[in-house]
Amino acid sequence: MTTAKSPDTKIGKEARRDLEFAVSALEEHKALDVVVLDLRKISDAADFFVIATGSSDVHVRTLAESVLEAVEGAGRTPHHVEGVSAGRWALLDFVDVVIHLFHPTLRQYYQLERLWSDAPLVATGSAG
């Protein structure tokens, strides 16, 4: 992924760890079009949004479960989880890091990258 910036050193330890584990799990399970948006300067909703696509409902569920397993394995419990069982869209809210996983048609419909276009992109290969 080509990006404008990579995360700076002001990321908190928990947010950095959540990003690392989430992005790693997504890449390991072949998520499509993984994007990390840095919201720190534009919103109090979260520090980062991770957006990714699964190729099918089963793939979206698998991605969500793998992220939950990875981040929870590091001792972090999600604040809120939604939509995993349906597999069309899943939200995994770790407060500082919120992961949005979509079926391709829903990602195109919601266009979160466009909605949050003011947010700088973060290089996924250097999320840590």
C-alpha atoms as a PDB file:
ATOM      1  CA  MET A   1       0.000   0.000   0.000  1.00  0.00           C
ATOM      2  CA  THR A   2       1.347   3.418  -0.893  1.00  0.00           C
ATOM      3  CA  THR A   3       0.776   5.940   1.859  1.00  0.00           C
ATOM      4  CA  ALA A   4       1.457   9.514   2.819  1.00  0.00           C
ATOM      5  CA  LYS A   5       2.915   8.812   6.236  1.00  0.00           C
ATOM      6  CA  SER A   6       3.716   6.161   8.777  1.00  0.00           C
ATOM      7  CA  PRO A   7       2.790   6.277  12.461  1.00  0.00           C
ATOM      8  CA  ASP A   8       4.864   8.541  14.634  1.00  0.00           C
ATOM      9  CA  THR A   9       6.280   7.799  18.066  1.00  0.00           C
ATOM     10  CA  LYS A  10       3.348   9.417  19.898  1.00  0.00           C
ATOM     11  CA  ILE A  11       1.146   6.360  19.526  1.00  0.00           C
ATOM     12  CA  GLY A  12       0.329   4.845  22.897  1.00  0.00           C
ATOM     13  CA  LYS A  13       1.649   1.380  23.667  1.00  0.00           C
ATOM     14  CA  GLU A  14      -1.773  -0.249  23.640  1.00  0.00           C
ATOM     15  CA  ALA A  15      -2.832   1.392  20.374  1.00  0.00           C
ATOM     16  CA  ARG A  16       0.477   0.456  18.748  1.00  0.00           C
ATOM     17  CA  ARG A  17       0.147  -3.141  19.922  1.00  0.00           C
ATOM     18  CA  ASP A  18      -3.497  -3.356  18.809  1.00  0.00           C
ATOM     19  CA  LEU A  19      -2.549  -2.014  15.365  1.00  0.00           C
ATOM     20  CA  GLU A  20       0.349  -4.438  15.026  1.00  0.00           C
ATOM     21  CA  PHE A  21      -1.659  -7.490  16.017  1.00  0.00           C
ATOM     22  CA  ALA A  22      -4.745  -6.527  14.015  1.00  0.00           C
ATOM     23  CA  VAL A  23      -2.886  -5.717  10.792  1.00  0.00           C
ATOM     24  CA  SER A  24      -0.709  -8.802  11.145  1.00  0.00           C
ATOM     25  CA  ALA A  25      -3.773 -11.041  11.614  1.00  0.00           C
ATOM     26  CA  LEU A  26      -5.486  -9.444   8.619  1.00  0.00           C
ATOM     27  CA  GLU A  27      -2.447  -9.885   6.396  1.00  0.00           C
ATOM     28  CA  GLU A  28      -1.927 -13.469   7.595  1.00  0.00           C
ATOM     29  CA  HIS A  29      -5.517 -14.325   6.686  1.00  0.00           C
ATOM     30  CA  LYS A  30      -5.329 -12.655   3.264  1.00  0.00           C
ATOM     31  CA  ALA A  31      -7.543  -9.620   3.899  1.00  0.00           C
ATOM     32  CA  LEU A  32      -7.993  -7.456   0.825  1.00  0.00           C
ATOM     33  CA  ASP A  33      -7.236  -3.724   0.618  1.00  0.00           C
ATOM     34  CA  VAL A  34      -6.122  -3.177   4.212  1.00  0.00           C
ATOM     35  CA  VAL A  35      -6.118   0.539   5.032  1.00  0.00           C
ATOM     36  CA  VAL A  36      -5.180   2.235   8.300  1.00  0.00           C
ATOM     37  CA  LEU A  37      -6.444   5.778   8.831  1.00  0.00           C
ATOM     38  CA  ASP A  38      -4.869   8.056  11.446  1.00  0.00           C
ATOM     39  CA  LEU A  39      -7.742   9.953  13.077  1.00  0.00           C
ATOM     40  CA  ARG A  40      -5.782  11.476  15.964  1.00  0.00           C
ATOM     41  CA  LYS A  41      -5.822  15.036  14.618  1.00  0.00           C
ATOM     42  CA  ILE A  42      -9.342  15.026  13.201  1.00  0.00           C
ATOM     43  CA  SER A  43     -11.594  13.075  15.586  1.00  0.00           C
ATOM     44  CA  ASP A  44     -12.011  11.900  19.140  1.00  0.00           C
ATOM     45  CA  ALA A  45     -13.913   8.794  17.971  1.00  0.00           C
ATOM     46  CA  ALA A  46     -10.721   6.703  17.884  1.00  0.00           C
ATOM     47  CA  ASP A  47      -7.037   7.114  17.144  1.00  0.00           C
ATOM     48  CA  PHE A  48      -7.051   4.721  14.188  1.00  0.00           C
ATOM     49  CA  PHE A  49      -9.520   3.023  11.887  1.00  0.00           C
ATOM     50  CA  VAL A  50      -8.409  -0.185  10.226  1.00  0.00           C
ATOM     51  CA  ILE A  51     -10.516  -1.004   7.177  1.00  0.00           C
ATOM     52  CA  ALA A  52     -10.273  -4.280   5.279  1.00  0.00           C
ATOM     53  CA  THR A  53     -12.289  -6.440   2.925  1.00  0.00           C
ATOM     54  CA  GLY A  54     -13.020 -10.153   2.997  1.00  0.00           C
ATOM     55  CA  SER A  55     -13.817 -11.983  -0.211  1.00  0.00           C
ATOM     56  CA  SER A  56     -16.977 -13.607   1.209  1.00  0.00           C
ATOM     57  CA  ASP A  57     -19.130 -13.703   4.346  1.00  0.00           C
ATOM     58  CA  VAL A  58     -17.063 -16.612   5.650  1.00  0.00           C
ATOM     59  CA  HIS A  59     -13.843 -14.701   4.974  1.00  0.00           C
ATOM     60  CA  VAL A  60     -15.144 -11.605   6.814  1.00  0.00           C
ATOM     61  CA  ARG A  61     -16.045 -13.782   9.830  1.00  0.00           C
ATOM     62  CA  THR A  62     -12.651 -15.482   9.714  1.00  0.00           C
ATOM     63  CA  LEU A  63     -10.871 -12.122   9.566  1.00  0.00           C
ATOM     64  CA  ALA A  64     -12.861 -10.827  12.535  1.00  0.00           C
ATOM     65  CA  GLU A  65     -12.228 -13.949  14.585  1.00  0.00           C
ATOM     66  CA  SER A  66      -8.505 -13.905  13.777  1.00  0.00           C
ATOM     67  CA  VAL A  67      -8.171 -10.239  14.799  1.00  0.00           C
ATOM     68  CA  LEU A  68     -10.087 -10.867  18.026  1.00  0.00           C
ATOM     69  CA  GLU A  69      -7.919 -13.876  18.808  1.00  0.00           C
ATOM     70  CA  ALA A  70      -4.691 -11.982  18.096  1.00  0.00           C
ATOM     71  CA  VAL A  71      -5.537  -8.830  20.049  1.00  0.00           C
ATOM     72  CA  GLU A  72      -7.217 -10.683  22.915  1.00  0.00           C
ATOM     73  CA  GLY A  73      -4.164 -12.972  23.024  1.00  0.00           C
ATOM     74  CA  ALA A  74      -2.148  -9.872  23.866  1.00  0.00           C
ATOM     75  CA  GLY A  75      -4.426  -9.226  26.827  1.00  0.00           C
ATOM     76  CA  ARG A  76      -6.795  -6.655  25.300  1.00  0.00           C
ATOM     77  CA  THR A  77     -10.542  -7.070  25.434  1.00  0.00           C
ATOM     78  CA  PRO A  78     -12.700  -5.328  22.845  1.00  0.00           C
ATOM     79  CA  HIS A  79     -14.988  -2.593  24.112  1.00  0.00           C
ATOM     80  CA  HIS A  80     -17.608  -3.537  21.515  1.00  0.00           C
ATOM     81  CA  VAL A  81     -18.015  -6.168  18.789  1.00  0.00           C
ATOM     82  CA  GLU A  82     -20.770  -6.124  16.215  1.00  0.00           C
ATOM     83  CA  GLY A  83     -21.791  -7.981  13.060  1.00  0.00           C
ATOM     84  CA  VAL A  84     -19.332 -10.876  13.177  1.00  0.00           C
ATOM     85  CA  SER A  85     -21.911 -13.659  12.994  1.00  0.00           C
ATOM     86  CA  ALA A  86     -23.579 -12.268   9.852  1.00  0.00           C
ATOM     87  CA  GLY A  87     -20.277 -11.871   8.019  1.00  0.00           C
ATOM     88  CA  ARG A  88     -21.306  -8.972   5.800  1.00  0.00           C
ATOM     89  CA  TRP A  89     -19.686  -6.347   8.005  1.00  0.00           C
ATOM     90  CA  ALA A  90     -17.931  -6.513  11.365  1.00  0.00           C
ATOM     91  CA  LEU A  91     -16.874  -3.835  13.800  1.00  0.00           C
ATOM     92  CA  LEU A  92     -14.222  -4.569  16.406  1.00  0.00           C
ATOM     93  CA  ASP A  93     -13.836  -1.628  18.779  1.00  0.00           C
ATOM     94  CA  PHE A  94     -10.700  -1.587  20.912  1.00  0.00           C
ATOM     95  CA  VAL A  95     -11.323   2.109  21.796  1.00  0.00           C
ATOM     96  CA  ASP A  96      -8.107   3.582  20.333  1.00  0.00           C
ATOM     97  CA  VAL A  97      -8.203   1.233  17.351  1.00  0.00           C
ATOM     98  CA  VAL A  98     -11.468   0.387  15.588  1.00  0.00           C
ATOM     99  CA  ILE A  99     -11.445  -2.332  12.942  1.00  0.00           C
ATOM    100  CA  HIS A 100     -14.059  -2.324  10.156  1.00  0.00           C
ATOM    101  CA  LEU A 101     -14.288  -5.479   8.062  1.00  0.00           C
ATOM    102  CA  PHE A 102     -16.512  -5.562   5.004  1.00  0.00           C
ATOM    103  CA  HIS A 103     -17.885  -7.795   2.312  1.00  0.00           C
ATOM    104  CA  PRO A 104     -16.781  -6.101  -0.965  1.00  0.00           C
ATOM    105  CA  THR A 105     -20.235  -4.745  -1.844  1.00  0.00           C
ATOM    106  CA  LEU A 106     -20.692  -3.148   1.579  1.00  0.00           C
ATOM    107  CA  ARG A 107     -17.250  -1.590   1.590  1.00  0.00           C
ATOM    108  CA  GLN A 108     -18.037   0.030  -1.731  1.00  0.00           C
ATOM    109  CA  TYR A 109     -21.424   1.173  -0.426  1.00  0.00           C
ATOM    110  CA  TYR A 110     -20.188   2.728   2.851  1.00  0.00           C
ATOM    111  CA  GLN A 111     -16.923   4.158   1.473  1.00  0.00           C
ATOM    112  CA  LEU A 112     -15.348   4.872   4.872  1.00  0.00           C
ATOM    113  CA  GLU A 113     -12.098   5.985   3.259  1.00  0.00           C
ATOM    114  CA  ARG A 114     -14.028   8.673   1.405  1.00  0.00           C
ATOM    115  CA  LEU A 115     -16.007   9.664   4.511  1.00  0.00           C
ATOM    116  CA  TRP A 116     -12.740  10.019   6.455  1.00  0.00           C
ATOM    117  CA  SER A 117     -10.699  11.376   3.528  1.00  0.00           C
ATOM    118  CA  ASP A 118      -9.089  14.027   5.767  1.00  0.00           C
ATOM    119  CA  ALA A 119      -7.349  11.272   7.745  1.00  0.00           C
ATOM    120  CA  PRO A 120      -3.786  10.464   6.722  1.00  0.00           C
ATOM    121  CA  LEU A 121      -3.096   6.908   5.615  1.00  0.00           C
ATOM    122  CA  VAL A 122      -0.692   4.851   7.693  1.00  0.00           C
ATOM    123  CA  ALA A 123       1.642   2.344   6.039  1.00  0.00           C
ATOM    124  CA  THR A 124       0.456  -1.103   7.126  1.00  0.00           C
ATOM    125  CA  GLY A 125       3.927  -2.598   6.802  1.00  0.00           C
ATOM    126  CA  SER A 126       5.171  -0.213   9.494  1.00  0.00           C
ATOM    127  CA  ALA A 127       2.185  -0.080  11.825  1.00  0.00           C
ATOM    128  CA  GLY A 128       4.578  -0.857  14.639  1.00  0.00           C
END
